[in-house]
Amino acid sequence: MKPIKYRVLVAEQLSKADKLEVASKVAAIYTGPEACEASFHRKSATHWVNENWQYECLDRVGRVAVLKYRGAEVALFFKRQIQEFEPLPIDPVPEGIINDPQDAWQRYNLLGLSARQVSGRVGKANRDLEEELRLANEEIKAKQVVVDKVETENFKLRTELDKLKTRKRKKAGKVAA
């Protein structure tokens, strides 16, 4: 008999208290250099250590780095490419201008669901909303039928009332004459 094996994300093994600590610290870190500063001690050229925190560059250029807490990868930092140029007076203003070079950095939280899990949940939420919308539309149609019947009956009654008022006026005119 084969032994049972589990595949478990290392980050999921952190306690709730550790996850809260990680979330609060990572929320205040926006760039790779900031993550590096949060991990004070330099162990090697590309590896930084600060007690429970580690910062590791994953490429030679320093555009991709991962922040770890007790060995568990908790945040990935990626620096997008920036092109700097001086436009000529006739050049249009380019789209996607970045005023602060730190805005080139993106942070990805690694303590959450996988892309497939998120997509599955979003898909289920969409299906649930579509069903709710379908039911609401059916309810609106049913209520509109009732409103139409009431308006038709109201129109018939007003028409009948107008006819009765007209007859009464005619009778009143004959009696006075």
C-alpha atoms as a PDB file:
ATOM      1  CA  MET A   1       0.000   0.000   0.000  1.00  0.00           C
ATOM      2  CA  LYS A   2       1.315   3.416  -1.020  1.00  0.00           C
ATOM      3  CA  PRO A   3       1.722   6.024   1.684  1.00  0.00           C
ATOM      4  CA  ILE A   4      -0.543   9.055   1.436  1.00  0.00           C
ATOM      5  CA  LYS A   5       1.208  12.164   0.129  1.00  0.00           C
ATOM      6  CA  TYR A   6       0.012  15.740   0.233  1.00  0.00           C
ATOM      7  CA  ARG A   7       1.179  18.756  -1.708  1.00  0.00           C
ATOM      8  CA  VAL A   8       0.942  21.806   0.505  1.00  0.00           C
ATOM      9  CA  LEU A   9       1.924  25.399  -0.204  1.00  0.00           C
ATOM     10  CA  VAL A  10       4.652  26.449   2.199  1.00  0.00           C
ATOM     11  CA  ALA A  11       2.993  29.840   2.753  1.00  0.00           C
ATOM     12  CA  GLU A  12      -0.225  28.089   3.832  1.00  0.00           C
ATOM     13  CA  GLN A  13       1.667  26.489   6.705  1.00  0.00           C
ATOM     14  CA  LEU A  14       2.183  29.882   8.360  1.00  0.00           C
ATOM     15  CA  SER A  15       0.010  30.566  11.389  1.00  0.00           C
ATOM     16  CA  LYS A  16      -2.802  33.117  11.207  1.00  0.00           C
ATOM     17  CA  ALA A  17      -0.743  35.498  13.345  1.00  0.00           C
ATOM     18  CA  ASP A  18       2.217  35.147  10.970  1.00  0.00           C
ATOM     19  CA  LYS A  19      -0.042  35.711   7.943  1.00  0.00           C
ATOM     20  CA  LEU A  20      -1.414  38.892   9.536  1.00  0.00           C
ATOM     21  CA  GLU A  21       2.117  40.102  10.270  1.00  0.00           C
ATOM     22  CA  VAL A  22       3.172  39.353   6.706  1.00  0.00           C
ATOM     23  CA  ALA A  23       0.101  41.039   5.231  1.00  0.00           C
ATOM     24  CA  SER A  24       0.606  44.195   7.279  1.00  0.00           C
ATOM     25  CA  LYS A  25       4.318  44.456   6.474  1.00  0.00           C
ATOM     26  CA  VAL A  26       3.983  43.621   2.775  1.00  0.00           C
ATOM     27  CA  ALA A  27       1.108  46.097   2.376  1.00  0.00           C
ATOM     28  CA  ALA A  28       3.563  48.923   3.114  1.00  0.00           C
ATOM     29  CA  ILE A  29       6.203  47.698   0.645  1.00  0.00           C
ATOM     30  CA  TYR A  30       5.768  48.801  -2.963  1.00  0.00           C
ATOM     31  CA  THR A  31       9.090  48.166  -4.713  1.00  0.00           C
ATOM     32  CA  GLY A  32      11.916  45.657  -4.786  1.00  0.00           C
ATOM     33  CA  PRO A  33      14.378  48.085  -3.175  1.00  0.00           C
ATOM     34  CA  GLU A  34      11.873  48.746  -0.361  1.00  0.00           C
ATOM     35  CA  ALA A  35      11.557  44.997   0.175  1.00  0.00           C
ATOM     36  CA  CYS A  36      15.329  44.770   0.211  1.00  0.00           C
ATOM     37  CA  GLU A  37      15.529  47.511   2.861  1.00  0.00           C
ATOM     38  CA  ALA A  38      12.959  45.615   4.944  1.00  0.00           C
ATOM     39  CA  SER A  39      15.462  42.741   4.982  1.00  0.00           C
ATOM     40  CA  PHE A  40      18.484  44.499   6.501  1.00  0.00           C
ATOM     41  CA  HIS A  41      21.254  41.911   6.691  1.00  0.00           C
ATOM     42  CA  ARG A  42      23.122  41.003   3.501  1.00  0.00           C
ATOM     43  CA  LYS A  43      24.067  37.314   3.378  1.00  0.00           C
ATOM     44  CA  SER A  44      25.424  37.276  -0.188  1.00  0.00           C
ATOM     45  CA  ALA A  45      25.359  39.437  -3.311  1.00  0.00           C
ATOM     46  CA  THR A  46      21.788  38.420  -4.134  1.00  0.00           C
ATOM     47  CA  HIS A  47      20.495  37.088  -0.803  1.00  0.00           C
ATOM     48  CA  TRP A  48      19.424  39.295   2.112  1.00  0.00           C
ATOM     49  CA  VAL A  49      18.384  38.036   5.568  1.00  0.00           C
ATOM     50  CA  ASN A  50      16.620  39.716   8.516  1.00  0.00           C
ATOM     51  CA  GLU A  51      15.697  37.165  11.171  1.00  0.00           C
ATOM     52  CA  ASN A  52      12.472  35.786   9.697  1.00  0.00           C
ATOM     53  CA  TRP A  53      12.566  37.847   6.493  1.00  0.00           C
ATOM     54  CA  GLN A  54      14.582  37.044   3.390  1.00  0.00           C
ATOM     55  CA  TYR A  55      14.917  38.972   0.139  1.00  0.00           C
ATOM     56  CA  GLU A  56      16.184  37.189  -2.943  1.00  0.00           C
ATOM     57  CA  CYS A  57      16.846  38.560  -6.429  1.00  0.00           C
ATOM     58  CA  LEU A  58      15.697  36.038  -9.015  1.00  0.00           C
ATOM     59  CA  ASP A  59      17.393  37.592 -12.040  1.00  0.00           C
ATOM     60  CA  ARG A  60      20.748  39.194 -12.745  1.00  0.00           C
ATOM     61  CA  VAL A  61      19.346  42.630 -13.499  1.00  0.00           C
ATOM     62  CA  GLY A  62      17.414  43.007 -10.239  1.00  0.00           C
ATOM     63  CA  ARG A  63      13.995  43.385 -11.889  1.00  0.00           C
ATOM     64  CA  VAL A  64      12.504  40.258 -10.275  1.00  0.00           C
ATOM     65  CA  ALA A  65      12.733  39.553  -6.569  1.00  0.00           C
ATOM     66  CA  VAL A  66      10.882  37.549  -3.973  1.00  0.00           C
ATOM     67  CA  LEU A  67      10.301  38.409  -0.336  1.00  0.00           C
ATOM     68  CA  LYS A  68      10.135  35.435   2.010  1.00  0.00           C
ATOM     69  CA  TYR A  69       8.970  35.068   5.576  1.00  0.00           C
ATOM     70  CA  ARG A  70      10.444  32.085   7.422  1.00  0.00           C
ATOM     71  CA  GLY A  71      11.308  30.561   4.060  1.00  0.00           C
ATOM     72  CA  ALA A  72       7.794  30.898   2.634  1.00  0.00           C
ATOM     73  CA  GLU A  73       7.490  33.071  -0.463  1.00  0.00           C
ATOM     74  CA  VAL A  74       5.008  35.815   0.408  1.00  0.00           C
ATOM     75  CA  ALA A  75       5.465  38.527  -2.236  1.00  0.00           C
ATOM     76  CA  LEU A  76       6.948  38.791  -5.694  1.00  0.00           C
ATOM     77  CA  PHE A  77       8.250  42.109  -6.973  1.00  0.00           C
ATOM     78  CA  PHE A  78       8.622  42.799 -10.677  1.00  0.00           C
ATOM     79  CA  LYS A  79      10.010  45.951 -12.269  1.00  0.00           C
ATOM     80  CA  ARG A  80       8.437  46.669 -15.635  1.00  0.00           C
ATOM     81  CA  GLN A  81      10.573  48.085 -18.425  1.00  0.00           C
ATOM     82  CA  ILE A  82      10.721  51.847 -18.706  1.00  0.00           C
ATOM     83  CA  GLN A  83      11.799  53.749 -21.765  1.00  0.00           C
ATOM     84  CA  GLU A  84      12.991  57.290 -21.266  1.00  0.00           C
ATOM     85  CA  PHE A  85      13.232  59.674 -24.194  1.00  0.00           C
ATOM     86  CA  GLU A  86      12.971  63.336 -25.059  1.00  0.00           C
ATOM     87  CA  PRO A  87      10.200  63.986 -27.565  1.00  0.00           C
ATOM     88  CA  LEU A  88      10.521  66.421 -30.408  1.00  0.00           C
ATOM     89  CA  PRO A  89       8.126  69.381 -30.468  1.00  0.00           C
ATOM     90  CA  ILE A  90       6.019  67.671 -33.155  1.00  0.00           C
ATOM     91  CA  ASP A  91       5.735  64.364 -31.265  1.00  0.00           C
ATOM     92  CA  PRO A  92       2.404  63.611 -29.571  1.00  0.00           C
ATOM     93  CA  VAL A  93       2.250  63.115 -25.815  1.00  0.00           C
ATOM     94  CA  PRO A  94       2.803  59.384 -25.203  1.00  0.00           C
ATOM     95  CA  GLU A  95       0.353  57.256 -23.251  1.00  0.00           C
ATOM     96  CA  GLY A  96       1.306  55.605 -19.960  1.00  0.00           C
ATOM     97  CA  ILE A  97       3.615  58.324 -18.681  1.00  0.00           C
ATOM     98  CA  ILE A  98       5.147  57.482 -15.299  1.00  0.00           C
ATOM     99  CA  ASN A  99       6.059  60.443 -13.107  1.00  0.00           C
ATOM    100  CA  ASP A 100       7.600  58.349 -10.327  1.00  0.00           C
ATOM    101  CA  PRO A 101      10.045  55.586 -11.355  1.00  0.00           C
ATOM    102  CA  GLN A 102       8.794  53.515  -8.406  1.00  0.00           C
ATOM    103  CA  ASP A 103       5.505  53.109 -10.304  1.00  0.00           C
ATOM    104  CA  ALA A 104       7.318  50.714 -12.626  1.00  0.00           C
ATOM    105  CA  TRP A 105       7.270  48.142  -9.817  1.00  0.00           C
ATOM    106  CA  GLN A 106       4.432  45.682  -9.352  1.00  0.00           C
ATOM    107  CA  ARG A 107       3.878  43.615  -6.238  1.00  0.00           C
ATOM    108  CA  TYR A 108       2.140  40.238  -6.341  1.00  0.00           C
ATOM    109  CA  ASN A 109       0.791  38.771  -3.133  1.00  0.00           C
ATOM    110  CA  LEU A 110       1.703  35.090  -2.991  1.00  0.00           C
ATOM    111  CA  LEU A 111      -0.402  34.337   0.089  1.00  0.00           C
ATOM    112  CA  GLY A 112      -3.658  33.911  -1.722  1.00  0.00           C
ATOM    113  CA  LEU A 113      -5.458  31.649  -4.093  1.00  0.00           C
ATOM    114  CA  SER A 114      -3.911  30.381  -7.292  1.00  0.00           C
ATOM    115  CA  ALA A 115      -4.970  31.910 -10.603  1.00  0.00           C
ATOM    116  CA  ARG A 116      -7.087  28.825 -11.339  1.00  0.00           C
ATOM    117  CA  GLN A 117      -8.804  29.022  -7.955  1.00  0.00           C
ATOM    118  CA  VAL A 118      -9.508  32.742  -8.375  1.00  0.00           C
ATOM    119  CA  SER A 119     -10.805  32.156 -11.881  1.00  0.00           C
ATOM    120  CA  GLY A 120     -13.043  29.354 -10.626  1.00  0.00           C
ATOM    121  CA  ARG A 121     -14.464  31.527  -7.870  1.00  0.00           C
ATOM    122  CA  VAL A 122     -14.980  34.444 -10.233  1.00  0.00           C
ATOM    123  CA  GLY A 123     -16.651  32.117 -12.732  1.00  0.00           C
ATOM    124  CA  LYS A 124     -18.971  30.746 -10.046  1.00  0.00           C
ATOM    125  CA  ALA A 125     -19.756  34.273  -8.849  1.00  0.00           C
ATOM    126  CA  ASN A 126     -20.550  35.275 -12.448  1.00  0.00           C
ATOM    127  CA  ARG A 127     -22.819  32.257 -12.923  1.00  0.00           C
ATOM    128  CA  ASP A 128     -24.574  33.015  -9.620  1.00  0.00           C
ATOM    129  CA  LEU A 129     -25.073  36.644 -10.652  1.00  0.00           C
ATOM    130  CA  GLU A 130     -26.350  35.607 -14.084  1.00  0.00           C
ATOM    131  CA  GLU A 131     -28.891  33.283 -12.435  1.00  0.00           C
ATOM    132  CA  GLU A 132     -29.925  36.017 -10.000  1.00  0.00           C
ATOM    133  CA  LEU A 133     -30.315  38.449 -12.908  1.00  0.00           C
ATOM    134  CA  ARG A 134     -32.373  35.916 -14.872  1.00  0.00           C
ATOM    135  CA  LEU A 135     -34.679  35.379 -11.892  1.00  0.00           C
ATOM    136  CA  ALA A 136     -34.992  39.136 -11.338  1.00  0.00           C
ATOM    137  CA  ASN A 137     -35.895  39.622 -15.015  1.00  0.00           C
ATOM    138  CA  GLU A 138     -38.556  36.897 -14.771  1.00  0.00           C
ATOM    139  CA  GLU A 139     -39.949  38.593 -11.657  1.00  0.00           C
ATOM    140  CA  ILE A 140     -40.025  41.930 -13.485  1.00  0.00           C
ATOM    141  CA  LYS A 141     -41.885  40.349 -16.424  1.00  0.00           C
ATOM    142  CA  ALA A 142     -44.434  38.760 -14.088  1.00  0.00           C
ATOM    143  CA  LYS A 143     -44.963  42.037 -12.247  1.00  0.00           C
ATOM    144  CA  GLN A 144     -45.265  43.886 -15.563  1.00  0.00           C
ATOM    145  CA  VAL A 145     -48.063  41.500 -16.596  1.00  0.00           C
ATOM    146  CA  VAL A 146     -49.893  42.340 -13.357  1.00  0.00           C
ATOM    147  CA  VAL A 147     -49.309  46.078 -13.888  1.00  0.00           C
ATOM    148  CA  ASP A 148     -50.582  45.814 -17.480  1.00  0.00           C
ATOM    149  CA  LYS A 149     -53.741  44.033 -16.278  1.00  0.00           C
ATOM    150  CA  VAL A 150     -54.340  46.646 -13.578  1.00  0.00           C
ATOM    151  CA  GLU A 151     -53.792  49.486 -16.076  1.00  0.00           C
ATOM    152  CA  THR A 152     -56.168  47.846 -18.584  1.00  0.00           C
ATOM    153  CA  GLU A 153     -58.829  47.392 -15.888  1.00  0.00           C
ATOM    154  CA  ASN A 154     -58.243  50.962 -14.707  1.00  0.00           C
ATOM    155  CA  PHE A 155     -58.680  52.250 -18.283  1.00  0.00           C
ATOM    156  CA  LYS A 156     -61.908  50.258 -18.691  1.00  0.00           C
ATOM    157  CA  LEU A 157     -63.264  51.599 -15.394  1.00  0.00           C
ATOM    158  CA  ARG A 158     -62.357  55.203 -16.274  1.00  0.00           C
ATOM    159  CA  THR A 159     -64.016  54.815 -19.662  1.00  0.00           C
ATOM    160  CA  GLU A 160     -67.145  53.418 -18.007  1.00  0.00           C
ATOM    161  CA  LEU A 161     -67.065  56.215 -15.424  1.00  0.00           C
ATOM    162  CA  ASP A 162     -66.770  58.851 -18.175  1.00  0.00           C
ATOM    163  CA  LYS A 163     -69.752  57.286 -19.977  1.00  0.00           C
ATOM    164  CA  LEU A 164     -71.802  57.361 -16.755  1.00  0.00           C
ATOM    165  CA  LYS A 165     -70.857  61.001 -16.101  1.00  0.00           C
ATOM    166  CA  THR A 166     -71.838  61.903 -19.683  1.00  0.00           C
ATOM    167  CA  ARG A 167     -75.250  60.174 -19.279  1.00  0.00           C
ATOM    168  CA  LYS A 168     -75.822  61.930 -15.950  1.00  0.00           C
ATOM    169  CA  ARG A 169     -75.070  65.333 -17.520  1.00  0.00           C
ATOM    170  CA  LYS A 170     -77.430  64.592 -20.398  1.00  0.00           C
ATOM    171  CA  LYS A 171     -80.205  63.603 -17.958  1.00  0.00           C
ATOM    172  CA  ALA A 172     -79.564  66.668 -15.839  1.00  0.00           C
ATOM    173  CA  GLY A 173     -79.772  68.846 -18.999  1.00  0.00           C
ATOM    174  CA  LYS A 174     -83.121  67.271 -20.023  1.00  0.00           C
ATOM    175  CA  VAL A 175     -84.631  67.707 -16.528  1.00  0.00           C
ATOM    176  CA  ALA A 176     -83.643  71.423 -16.438  1.00  0.00           C
ATOM    177  CA  ALA A 177     -85.164  71.989 -19.846  1.00  0.00           C
END
